[in-house]
Amino acid sequence: MFATLTTLIDRLETKAAKNTNVIFWGSPVPAFGDLENSKVATLGLNPSNREFVDEAGKELTGISRRFHTLSSLR
């Protein structure tokens, strides 16, 4: 799983990703919960940008952060 996450994070820094609407400093969210015991899977295009930023567009930090970002993983 670590190798998969590393690959996904590395892809965020490619030129192709930077030419899209990808939040380049946001972390991929490949899964939630306990994969060993899961029985149902859903698929979505991407989390909302509001999962990563506040109303002013500033990156969430501390207890306000729901998902990691590149800056929080470094």
C-alpha atoms as a PDB file:
ATOM      1  CA  MET A   1       0.000   0.000   0.000  1.00  0.00           C
ATOM      2  CA  PHE A   2       2.875   2.396   0.792  1.00  0.00           C
ATOM      3  CA  ALA A   3       4.350   1.914  -2.698  1.00  0.00           C
ATOM      4  CA  THR A   4       0.958   2.647  -4.264  1.00  0.00           C
ATOM      5  CA  LEU A   5       0.560   5.850  -2.262  1.00  0.00           C
ATOM      6  CA  THR A   6       4.090   6.935  -3.141  1.00  0.00           C
ATOM      7  CA  THR A   7       3.383   6.387  -6.841  1.00  0.00           C
ATOM      8  CA  LEU A   8       0.131   8.365  -6.656  1.00  0.00           C
ATOM      9  CA  ILE A   9       1.828  11.253  -4.855  1.00  0.00           C
ATOM     10  CA  ASP A  10       4.651  11.283  -7.416  1.00  0.00           C
ATOM     11  CA  ARG A  11       2.091  11.485 -10.237  1.00  0.00           C
ATOM     12  CA  LEU A  12       0.702  14.701  -8.772  1.00  0.00           C
ATOM     13  CA  GLU A  13       3.990  16.389  -9.588  1.00  0.00           C
ATOM     14  CA  THR A  14       3.982  15.497 -13.306  1.00  0.00           C
ATOM     15  CA  LYS A  15       3.464  18.045 -16.070  1.00  0.00           C
ATOM     16  CA  ALA A  16       0.325  16.188 -17.212  1.00  0.00           C
ATOM     17  CA  ALA A  17      -1.263  16.535 -13.751  1.00  0.00           C
ATOM     18  CA  LYS A  18      -0.366  20.228 -13.544  1.00  0.00           C
ATOM     19  CA  ASN A  19      -2.299  20.867 -16.792  1.00  0.00           C
ATOM     20  CA  THR A  20      -5.536  19.595 -15.203  1.00  0.00           C
ATOM     21  CA  ASN A  21      -7.806  20.696 -12.379  1.00  0.00           C
ATOM     22  CA  VAL A  22      -5.972  18.408  -9.957  1.00  0.00           C
ATOM     23  CA  ILE A  23      -5.183  20.122  -6.657  1.00  0.00           C
ATOM     24  CA  PHE A  24      -1.461  19.500  -7.105  1.00  0.00           C
ATOM     25  CA  TRP A  25      -0.611  19.735  -3.404  1.00  0.00           C
ATOM     26  CA  GLY A  26      -3.519  17.491  -2.361  1.00  0.00           C
ATOM     27  CA  SER A  27      -2.976  13.865  -1.541  1.00  0.00           C
ATOM     28  CA  PRO A  28      -4.729  11.090  -3.480  1.00  0.00           C
ATOM     29  CA  VAL A  29      -7.470   9.396  -1.464  1.00  0.00           C
ATOM     30  CA  PRO A  30      -7.364   5.802  -2.742  1.00  0.00           C
ATOM     31  CA  ALA A  31      -9.401   4.217   0.066  1.00  0.00           C
ATOM     32  CA  PHE A  32     -11.225   4.793   3.332  1.00  0.00           C
ATOM     33  CA  GLY A  33     -11.692   2.485   6.271  1.00  0.00           C
ATOM     34  CA  ASP A  34     -10.593  -1.076   6.907  1.00  0.00           C
ATOM     35  CA  LEU A  35      -9.840  -2.766   3.568  1.00  0.00           C
ATOM     36  CA  GLU A  36      -9.568  -6.195   5.207  1.00  0.00           C
ATOM     37  CA  ASN A  37     -13.205  -6.201   6.348  1.00  0.00           C
ATOM     38  CA  SER A  38     -14.880  -4.091   3.666  1.00  0.00           C
ATOM     39  CA  LYS A  39     -17.853  -5.530   1.784  1.00  0.00           C
ATOM     40  CA  VAL A  40     -18.914  -2.568  -0.363  1.00  0.00           C
ATOM     41  CA  ALA A  41     -16.874  -0.264  -2.583  1.00  0.00           C
ATOM     42  CA  THR A  42     -17.837   3.031  -4.176  1.00  0.00           C
ATOM     43  CA  LEU A  43     -15.997   5.020  -6.794  1.00  0.00           C
ATOM     44  CA  GLY A  44     -15.837   8.764  -7.243  1.00  0.00           C
ATOM     45  CA  LEU A  45     -13.936  11.071  -9.531  1.00  0.00           C
ATOM     46  CA  ASN A  46     -12.309  13.076  -6.770  1.00  0.00           C
ATOM     47  CA  PRO A  47     -12.977  14.596  -3.365  1.00  0.00           C
ATOM     48  CA  SER A  48     -14.237  18.152  -3.271  1.00  0.00           C
ATOM     49  CA  ASN A  49     -11.599  20.869  -3.129  1.00  0.00           C
ATOM     50  CA  ARG A  50     -13.305  21.881   0.136  1.00  0.00           C
ATOM     51  CA  GLU A  51     -11.807  18.747   1.681  1.00  0.00           C
ATOM     52  CA  PHE A  52      -8.429  20.509   1.392  1.00  0.00           C
ATOM     53  CA  VAL A  53      -9.065  24.271   1.619  1.00  0.00           C
ATOM     54  CA  ASP A  54     -11.167  26.740   3.612  1.00  0.00           C
ATOM     55  CA  GLU A  55     -13.647  29.270   2.187  1.00  0.00           C
ATOM     56  CA  ALA A  56     -10.774  31.622   1.289  1.00  0.00           C
ATOM     57  CA  GLY A  57      -8.918  28.878  -0.593  1.00  0.00           C
ATOM     58  CA  LYS A  58      -6.207  28.441   2.051  1.00  0.00           C
ATOM     59  CA  GLU A  59      -4.963  24.935   2.793  1.00  0.00           C
ATOM     60  CA  LEU A  60      -6.549  23.403   5.903  1.00  0.00           C
ATOM     61  CA  THR A  61      -4.136  22.676   8.741  1.00  0.00           C
ATOM     62  CA  GLY A  62      -4.179  21.118  12.193  1.00  0.00           C
ATOM     63  CA  ILE A  63      -7.488  19.713  13.415  1.00  0.00           C
ATOM     64  CA  SER A  64      -9.279  21.285  10.436  1.00  0.00           C
ATOM     65  CA  ARG A  65      -7.390  19.001   8.018  1.00  0.00           C
ATOM     66  CA  ARG A  66      -9.362  15.941   6.966  1.00  0.00           C
ATOM     67  CA  PHE A  67      -6.884  14.528   4.432  1.00  0.00           C
ATOM     68  CA  HIS A  68      -3.128  14.809   4.155  1.00  0.00           C
ATOM     69  CA  THR A  69      -1.558  17.115   1.608  1.00  0.00           C
ATOM     70  CA  LEU A  70       1.921  17.065   0.129  1.00  0.00           C
ATOM     71  CA  SER A  71       3.045  19.617   2.707  1.00  0.00           C
ATOM     72  CA  SER A  72       1.697  17.569   5.633  1.00  0.00           C
ATOM     73  CA  LEU A  73       3.377  14.399   4.347  1.00  0.00           C
ATOM     74  CA  ARG A  74       6.813  15.977   3.974  1.00  0.00           C
END
